[in-house]
Protein backbone atom coordinates (compact mmCIF):
# COMPACT_ATOMS: atom_id res chain seq x y z
CA MET A 1 -3.91 -12.50 1.04
CA ALA A 2 -6.50 -11.20 3.49
CA THR A 3 -10.24 -10.96 2.94
CA VAL A 4 -12.30 -8.09 4.34
CA THR A 5 -16.04 -7.48 4.58
CA LEU A 6 -17.80 -4.31 3.48
CA SER A 7 -20.02 -3.09 6.34
CA SER A 8 -23.56 -1.76 5.97
CA LYS A 9 -21.99 1.73 6.19
CA TYR A 10 -19.59 0.86 3.35
CA GLN A 11 -16.61 0.71 5.72
CA VAL A 12 -13.65 -1.66 5.41
CA VAL A 13 -11.10 -2.58 8.09
CA ILE A 14 -7.56 -2.83 6.70
CA PRO A 15 -5.90 -5.92 8.20
CA ARG A 16 -3.15 -5.29 10.76
CA SER A 17 -0.51 -7.07 8.68
CA VAL A 18 -1.18 -4.74 5.74
CA ARG A 19 -1.27 -1.63 7.98
CA ASN A 20 2.07 -2.59 9.50
CA ARG A 21 3.76 -3.29 6.16
CA LEU A 22 2.58 0.01 4.68
CA GLY A 23 3.13 2.05 7.84
CA LEU A 24 -0.49 3.23 7.94
CA LYS A 25 -1.47 5.23 11.02
CA PRO A 26 -4.86 6.45 12.33
CA GLY A 27 -5.85 9.73 10.70
CA MET A 28 -3.74 9.20 7.57
CA LYS A 29 -5.40 10.22 4.33
CA LEU A 30 -5.85 7.61 1.62
CA GLN A 31 -6.64 8.33 -1.99
CA VAL A 32 -9.33 6.00 -3.39
CA ILE A 33 -9.06 4.98 -7.03
CA GLU A 34 -11.30 2.73 -9.11
CA TYR A 35 -9.18 1.00 -11.74
CA ASN A 36 -10.35 -1.78 -14.08
CA GLY A 37 -13.07 -2.91 -11.69
CA ARG A 38 -10.79 -2.75 -8.61
CA VAL A 39 -10.71 -0.37 -5.67
CA GLU A 40 -7.23 0.80 -4.72
CA PHE A 41 -6.22 2.82 -1.66
CA LEU A 42 -3.06 4.91 -1.99
CA PRO A 43 -1.54 6.70 1.01
CA VAL A 44 -1.35 10.44 0.48
CA ARG A 45 2.21 11.46 1.32
CA GLU A 46 3.35 14.91 2.35
CA PRO A 47 6.02 16.45 0.08
CA ALA A 48 8.54 16.35 2.94
CA GLU A 49 8.08 12.55 3.20
CA LEU A 50 9.05 12.17 -0.47
CA ARG A 51 12.38 13.95 -0.04
CA GLY A 52 15.26 11.71 -1.09
CA MET A 53 12.97 9.18 -2.76
CA LEU A 54 14.81 9.46 -6.08
CA LYS A 55 18.31 9.56 -4.58
CA GLY A 56 20.81 7.86 -6.84
CA LEU A 57 18.68 8.26 -9.95
CA GLU A 58 20.91 9.23 -12.86
CA PRO A 59 19.36 12.26 -14.63
CA VAL A 60 21.27 11.73 -17.88
CA ILE A 61 19.04 11.40 -20.92
CA GLU A 62 20.49 10.01 -24.13
CA ARG A 63 19.51 12.13 -27.08
CA GLU A 64 19.64 11.63 -30.80
CA PRO A 65 22.65 13.37 -32.44
CA ASP A 66 20.46 15.87 -34.30
CA ARG A 67 18.76 17.03 -31.07
CA LEU A 68 20.18 19.50 -28.58
């Protein structure tokens, strides 16, 4: 686990190991979310990047007998 310091301009440097694992590149957009007292950064993905993400997912939904 890496520790970062918040600068006087409220900037944070994401450690290289984390950038490499997540494939973050300069200029990428990140969504910032505050959740239960935490700050989370989520990469904003283009729709084309998400293509095939759910490949192999079985779309069958079991339903109760009295439902169509």
